Amino acid sequence: MNHLVADVDAAATATYADLFDALSDPTRLAILQHLATGEHRVRDLVEHLGLAQSTVSKHLACLRDCGLVAARPEGRSTVLSLAAAPPLAALLRAAEDLLAATGARVSLCTHLVRPEEG
């Protein structure tokens, strides 16, 4: 039997894995949900999540490294926002569809998953 072997781009595969790794953590998903409602400072997220500043900063670094979160200085604070809200919303809608197809129907966050319908 003749099987076609697809070439695997190791760098592209690693980039995909990094993105899905960033989305695999409940704290990072919670941060994205908060940012879907609008801009936040790090200390706002610390307060909302009830976590240490160092923990929130570590998760934000991961999200920034993947290009999901943008940061801009404002005085002595850093203001954070979603870097790519429409594509992220589309990805999460696709994840909802996949979860529904596998028997686990859930919705992450209406602000994040359906921003165009708000």
N, C-alpha and C. Protein backbone atom coordinates (compact mmCIF):
# COMPACT_ATOMS: atom_id res chain seq x y z
N MET A 1 0.85 -1.17 0.00
CA MET A 1 0.00 0.00 0.00
C MET A 1 0.90 1.24 0.00
N ASN A 2 0.61 2.17 -0.87
CA ASN A 2 1.41 3.38 -1.00
C ASN A 2 0.80 4.51 -0.16
N HIS A 3 1.47 4.89 0.89
CA HIS A 3 1.00 5.97 1.76
C HIS A 3 1.78 7.24 1.43
N LEU A 4 1.07 8.31 1.25
CA LEU A 4 1.74 9.59 1.05
C LEU A 4 2.21 10.09 2.40
N VAL A 5 3.43 10.51 2.46
CA VAL A 5 3.99 11.03 3.71
C VAL A 5 4.05 12.55 3.60
N ALA A 6 3.36 13.20 4.49
CA ALA A 6 3.36 14.66 4.48
C ALA A 6 4.61 15.17 5.17
N ASP A 7 5.19 16.19 4.58
CA ASP A 7 6.32 16.84 5.25
C ASP A 7 5.78 17.65 6.42
N VAL A 8 6.43 17.53 7.53
CA VAL A 8 6.03 18.26 8.73
C VAL A 8 7.01 19.39 8.95
N ASP A 9 6.48 20.58 9.03
CA ASP A 9 7.30 21.76 9.31
C ASP A 9 7.44 21.87 10.83
N ALA A 10 8.59 21.52 11.34
CA ALA A 10 8.81 21.47 12.79
C ALA A 10 8.63 22.84 13.43
N ALA A 11 9.09 23.90 12.79
CA ALA A 11 8.95 25.25 13.36
C ALA A 11 7.49 25.66 13.42
N ALA A 12 6.75 25.40 12.36
CA ALA A 12 5.32 25.75 12.36
C ALA A 12 4.57 24.93 13.40
N THR A 13 4.90 23.65 13.50
CA THR A 13 4.26 22.79 14.48
C THR A 13 4.53 23.30 15.90
N ALA A 14 5.74 23.73 16.16
CA ALA A 14 6.08 24.27 17.48
C ALA A 14 5.32 25.56 17.77
N THR A 15 5.13 26.39 16.75
CA THR A 15 4.38 27.63 16.92
C THR A 15 2.93 27.33 17.28
N TYR A 16 2.33 26.37 16.57
CA TYR A 16 0.97 25.96 16.90
C TYR A 16 0.91 25.42 18.33
N ALA A 17 1.86 24.60 18.70
CA ALA A 17 1.88 24.03 20.05
C ALA A 17 1.98 25.12 21.10
N ASP A 18 2.79 26.14 20.85
CA ASP A 18 2.91 27.25 21.80
C ASP A 18 1.58 27.97 21.97
N LEU A 19 0.87 28.20 20.86
CA LEU A 19 -0.44 28.86 20.94
C LEU A 19 -1.41 28.03 21.76
N PHE A 20 -1.51 26.74 21.44
CA PHE A 20 -2.45 25.89 22.17
C PHE A 20 -2.02 25.70 23.62
N ASP A 21 -0.72 25.73 23.89
CA ASP A 21 -0.26 25.69 25.27
C ASP A 21 -0.72 26.94 26.03
N ALA A 22 -0.63 28.09 25.37
CA ALA A 22 -1.08 29.34 26.01
C ALA A 22 -2.57 29.28 26.33
N LEU A 23 -3.34 28.63 25.48
CA LEU A 23 -4.79 28.54 25.69
C LEU A 23 -5.19 27.37 26.59
N SER A 24 -4.22 26.56 27.04
CA SER A 24 -4.55 25.37 27.81
C SER A 24 -4.64 25.62 29.31
N ASP A 25 -4.29 26.80 29.76
CA ASP A 25 -4.27 27.07 31.20
C ASP A 25 -5.51 27.85 31.62
N PRO A 26 -6.21 27.40 32.65
CA PRO A 26 -7.42 28.09 33.10
C PRO A 26 -7.18 29.55 33.51
N THR A 27 -6.04 29.84 34.12
CA THR A 27 -5.75 31.23 34.51
C THR A 27 -5.58 32.10 33.28
N ARG A 28 -4.89 31.61 32.27
CA ARG A 28 -4.72 32.40 31.05
C ARG A 28 -6.05 32.60 30.34
N LEU A 29 -6.91 31.59 30.33
CA LEU A 29 -8.24 31.77 29.75
C LEU A 29 -9.05 32.80 30.54
N ALA A 30 -8.91 32.80 31.86
CA ALA A 30 -9.60 33.80 32.68
C ALA A 30 -9.09 35.21 32.37
N ILE A 31 -7.79 35.35 32.17
CA ILE A 31 -7.22 36.66 31.81
C ILE A 31 -7.81 37.11 30.48
N LEU A 32 -7.88 36.22 29.50
CA LEU A 32 -8.44 36.57 28.20
C LEU A 32 -9.90 36.98 28.33
N GLN A 33 -10.64 36.30 29.20
CA GLN A 33 -12.04 36.66 29.42
C GLN A 33 -12.15 38.07 29.99
N HIS A 34 -11.30 38.41 30.96
CA HIS A 34 -11.32 39.76 31.52
C HIS A 34 -10.96 40.80 30.47
N LEU A 35 -9.94 40.50 29.66
CA LEU A 35 -9.52 41.45 28.64
C LEU A 35 -10.56 41.58 27.52
N ALA A 36 -11.39 40.58 27.35
CA ALA A 36 -12.45 40.66 26.34
C ALA A 36 -13.48 41.72 26.70
N THR A 37 -13.55 42.10 27.96
CA THR A 37 -14.50 43.14 28.38
C THR A 37 -13.90 44.54 28.23
N GLY A 38 -12.60 44.62 27.95
CA GLY A 38 -11.93 45.91 27.78
C GLY A 38 -10.53 45.88 28.37
N GLU A 39 -9.86 47.01 28.26
CA GLU A 39 -8.48 47.11 28.75
C GLU A 39 -8.44 46.99 30.28
N HIS A 40 -7.34 46.40 30.75
CA HIS A 40 -7.10 46.24 32.18
C HIS A 40 -5.62 46.52 32.47
N ARG A 41 -5.37 46.99 33.67
CA ARG A 41 -3.99 47.07 34.14
C ARG A 41 -3.67 45.76 34.86
N VAL A 42 -2.38 45.50 35.05
CA VAL A 42 -1.98 44.28 35.75
C VAL A 42 -2.62 44.23 37.13
N ARG A 43 -2.60 45.34 37.84
CA ARG A 43 -3.16 45.31 39.20
C ARG A 43 -4.66 45.05 39.20
N ASP A 44 -5.37 45.47 38.12
CA ASP A 44 -6.80 45.15 38.01
C ASP A 44 -6.98 43.64 37.89
N LEU A 45 -6.15 43.01 37.05
CA LEU A 45 -6.24 41.56 36.87
C LEU A 45 -5.89 40.83 38.16
N VAL A 46 -4.89 41.31 38.87
CA VAL A 46 -4.52 40.72 40.16
C VAL A 46 -5.72 40.73 41.10
N GLU A 47 -6.40 41.87 41.14
CA GLU A 47 -7.58 42.01 42.01
C GLU A 47 -8.72 41.10 41.56
N HIS A 48 -9.00 41.09 40.25
CA HIS A 48 -10.11 40.28 39.72
C HIS A 48 -9.86 38.78 39.92
N LEU A 49 -8.62 38.36 39.72
CA LEU A 49 -8.31 36.93 39.77
C LEU A 49 -7.96 36.44 41.16
N GLY A 50 -7.59 37.36 42.06
CA GLY A 50 -7.20 36.96 43.41
C GLY A 50 -5.89 36.21 43.45
N LEU A 51 -5.00 36.53 42.53
CA LEU A 51 -3.70 35.85 42.46
C LEU A 51 -2.58 36.84 42.74
N ALA A 52 -1.41 36.32 43.02
CA ALA A 52 -0.24 37.16 43.24
C ALA A 52 0.14 37.87 41.94
N GLN A 53 0.70 39.06 42.07
CA GLN A 53 1.11 39.84 40.91
C GLN A 53 2.12 39.07 40.07
N SER A 54 3.03 38.36 40.72
CA SER A 54 4.04 37.59 39.98
C SER A 54 3.40 36.48 39.15
N THR A 55 2.35 35.86 39.66
CA THR A 55 1.65 34.80 38.94
C THR A 55 0.94 35.37 37.72
N VAL A 56 0.23 36.48 37.90
CA VAL A 56 -0.47 37.12 36.79
C VAL A 56 0.53 37.57 35.73
N SER A 57 1.63 38.16 36.16
CA SER A 57 2.65 38.62 35.22
C SER A 57 3.25 37.48 34.42
N LYS A 58 3.46 36.33 35.07
CA LYS A 58 3.99 35.15 34.37
C LYS A 58 3.03 34.70 33.28
N HIS A 59 1.74 34.66 33.59
CA HIS A 59 0.75 34.25 32.60
C HIS A 59 0.62 35.28 31.48
N LEU A 60 0.69 36.55 31.83
CA LEU A 60 0.63 37.60 30.82
C LEU A 60 1.81 37.52 29.86
N ALA A 61 2.98 37.20 30.38
CA ALA A 61 4.16 37.05 29.52
C ALA A 61 3.94 35.96 28.49
N CYS A 62 3.35 34.86 28.89
CA CYS A 62 3.06 33.77 27.97
C CYS A 62 2.09 34.24 26.89
N LEU A 63 1.03 34.94 27.30
CA LEU A 63 0.03 35.42 26.35
C LEU A 63 0.59 36.47 25.41
N ARG A 64 1.48 37.32 25.91
CA ARG A 64 2.14 38.31 25.05
C ARG A 64 3.09 37.63 24.07
N ASP A 65 3.84 36.63 24.54
CA ASP A 65 4.77 35.91 23.68
C ASP A 65 4.06 35.25 22.50
N CYS A 66 2.82 34.82 22.71
CA CYS A 66 2.04 34.20 21.64
C CYS A 66 1.29 35.23 20.80
N GLY A 67 1.39 36.49 21.15
CA GLY A 67 0.72 37.54 20.38
C GLY A 67 -0.76 37.69 20.68
N LEU A 68 -1.23 37.10 21.78
CA LEU A 68 -2.65 37.20 22.12
C LEU A 68 -2.99 38.46 22.91
N VAL A 69 -2.01 38.99 23.61
CA VAL A 69 -2.22 40.17 24.46
C VAL A 69 -1.23 41.25 24.06
N ALA A 70 -1.74 42.47 23.98
CA ALA A 70 -0.90 43.64 23.70
C ALA A 70 -0.78 44.46 24.98
N ALA A 71 0.35 45.11 25.13
CA ALA A 71 0.60 45.93 26.32
C ALA A 71 1.10 47.30 25.87
N ARG A 72 0.62 48.33 26.56
CA ARG A 72 1.11 49.68 26.28
C ARG A 72 1.31 50.40 27.61
N PRO A 73 2.38 51.18 27.71
CA PRO A 73 2.61 51.91 28.96
C PRO A 73 1.63 53.08 29.08
N GLU A 74 1.22 53.31 30.30
CA GLU A 74 0.38 54.46 30.62
C GLU A 74 0.82 54.96 31.99
N GLY A 75 1.64 56.00 31.96
CA GLY A 75 2.24 56.45 33.21
C GLY A 75 3.16 55.38 33.75
N ARG A 76 2.95 55.04 35.03
CA ARG A 76 3.76 53.99 35.63
C ARG A 76 3.10 52.62 35.55
N SER A 77 1.97 52.55 34.88
CA SER A 77 1.24 51.29 34.72
C SER A 77 1.39 50.76 33.30
N THR A 78 1.00 49.53 33.12
CA THR A 78 0.91 48.92 31.81
C THR A 78 -0.55 48.56 31.58
N VAL A 79 -1.07 48.99 30.45
CA VAL A 79 -2.46 48.70 30.10
C VAL A 79 -2.46 47.56 29.09
N LEU A 80 -3.27 46.56 29.37
CA LEU A 80 -3.31 45.34 28.56
C LEU A 80 -4.62 45.24 27.80
N SER A 81 -4.55 44.65 26.62
CA SER A 81 -5.75 44.44 25.81
C SER A 81 -5.54 43.20 24.95
N LEU A 82 -6.63 42.72 24.36
CA LEU A 82 -6.52 41.61 23.42
C LEU A 82 -5.87 42.13 22.14
N ALA A 83 -4.90 41.41 21.64
CA ALA A 83 -4.19 41.84 20.44
C ALA A 83 -4.94 41.46 19.17
N ALA A 84 -5.69 40.39 19.21
CA ALA A 84 -6.36 39.88 18.02
C ALA A 84 -7.72 39.32 18.40
N ALA A 85 -8.62 40.18 18.86
CA ALA A 85 -9.91 39.72 19.37
C ALA A 85 -10.74 38.94 18.34
N PRO A 86 -10.91 39.43 17.10
CA PRO A 86 -11.75 38.66 16.16
C PRO A 86 -11.22 37.25 15.84
N PRO A 87 -9.91 37.11 15.54
CA PRO A 87 -9.44 35.74 15.28
C PRO A 87 -9.50 34.85 16.53
N LEU A 88 -9.25 35.42 17.69
CA LEU A 88 -9.34 34.64 18.93
C LEU A 88 -10.78 34.19 19.16
N ALA A 89 -11.73 35.08 18.94
CA ALA A 89 -13.14 34.71 19.08
C ALA A 89 -13.50 33.60 18.10
N ALA A 90 -13.00 33.68 16.88
CA ALA A 90 -13.28 32.64 15.89
C ALA A 90 -12.69 31.30 16.32
N LEU A 91 -11.47 31.33 16.86
CA LEU A 91 -10.84 30.10 17.33
C LEU A 91 -11.65 29.48 18.47
N LEU A 92 -12.12 30.31 19.38
CA LEU A 92 -12.89 29.78 20.51
C LEU A 92 -14.26 29.28 20.08
N ARG A 93 -14.86 29.91 19.06
CA ARG A 93 -16.12 29.38 18.51
C ARG A 93 -15.87 28.00 17.90
N ALA A 94 -14.74 27.86 17.20
CA ALA A 94 -14.39 26.56 16.62
C ALA A 94 -14.17 25.53 17.73
N ALA A 95 -13.53 25.95 18.83
CA ALA A 95 -13.32 25.04 19.96
C ALA A 95 -14.66 24.62 20.56
N GLU A 96 -15.60 25.57 20.68
CA GLU A 96 -16.94 25.22 21.17
C GLU A 96 -17.60 24.20 20.26
N ASP A 97 -17.48 24.39 18.95
CA ASP A 97 -18.06 23.44 17.99
C ASP A 97 -17.43 22.07 18.14
N LEU A 98 -16.11 22.03 18.30
CA LEU A 98 -15.41 20.76 18.46
C LEU A 98 -15.83 20.08 19.77
N LEU A 99 -15.92 20.86 20.84
CA LEU A 99 -16.36 20.28 22.11
C LEU A 99 -17.79 19.75 22.01
N ALA A 100 -18.66 20.48 21.33
CA ALA A 100 -20.03 20.01 21.16
C ALA A 100 -20.06 18.72 20.35
N ALA A 101 -19.22 18.63 19.33
CA ALA A 101 -19.17 17.43 18.50
C ALA A 101 -18.65 16.22 19.26
N THR A 102 -17.85 16.47 20.31
CA THR A 102 -17.31 15.35 21.10
C THR A 102 -18.12 15.12 22.37
N GLY A 103 -19.25 15.82 22.50
CA GLY A 103 -20.15 15.58 23.62
C GLY A 103 -19.94 16.45 24.83
N ALA A 104 -19.14 17.48 24.74
CA ALA A 104 -18.87 18.36 25.88
C ALA A 104 -19.27 19.79 25.52
N ARG A 105 -20.57 20.05 25.39
CA ARG A 105 -21.04 21.38 25.00
C ARG A 105 -20.82 22.36 26.14
N VAL A 106 -19.99 23.38 25.89
CA VAL A 106 -19.71 24.44 26.88
C VAL A 106 -19.55 25.76 26.13
N SER A 107 -19.62 26.83 26.89
CA SER A 107 -19.36 28.16 26.34
C SER A 107 -18.40 28.85 27.28
N LEU A 108 -17.30 29.36 26.76
CA LEU A 108 -16.27 29.97 27.60
C LEU A 108 -16.72 31.30 28.16
N CYS A 109 -17.04 32.22 27.28
CA CYS A 109 -17.33 33.58 27.72
C CYS A 109 -18.02 34.29 26.57
N THR A 110 -19.22 34.79 26.81
CA THR A 110 -19.94 35.42 25.72
C THR A 110 -19.23 36.67 25.22
N HIS A 111 -18.50 37.37 26.07
CA HIS A 111 -17.75 38.56 25.63
C HIS A 111 -16.63 38.19 24.67
N LEU A 112 -16.03 37.05 24.91
CA LEU A 112 -14.87 36.64 24.12
C LEU A 112 -15.29 35.87 22.87
N VAL A 113 -16.27 35.01 23.01
CA VAL A 113 -16.62 34.13 21.92
C VAL A 113 -17.58 34.79 20.92
N ARG A 114 -18.38 35.70 21.34
CA ARG A 114 -19.36 36.31 20.45
C ARG A 114 -19.33 37.84 20.51
N PRO A 115 -18.15 38.47 20.33
CA PRO A 115 -18.07 39.93 20.45
C PRO A 115 -18.87 40.68 19.39
N GLU A 116 -19.02 40.07 18.20
CA GLU A 116 -19.72 40.77 17.14
C GLU A 116 -21.23 40.79 17.35
N GLU A 117 -21.73 39.97 18.29
CA GLU A 117 -23.16 39.90 18.54
C GLU A 117 -23.58 40.73 19.74
N GLY A 118 -22.61 41.34 20.44
CA GLY A 118 -22.89 42.09 21.66
C GLY A 118 -23.46 43.39 21.34
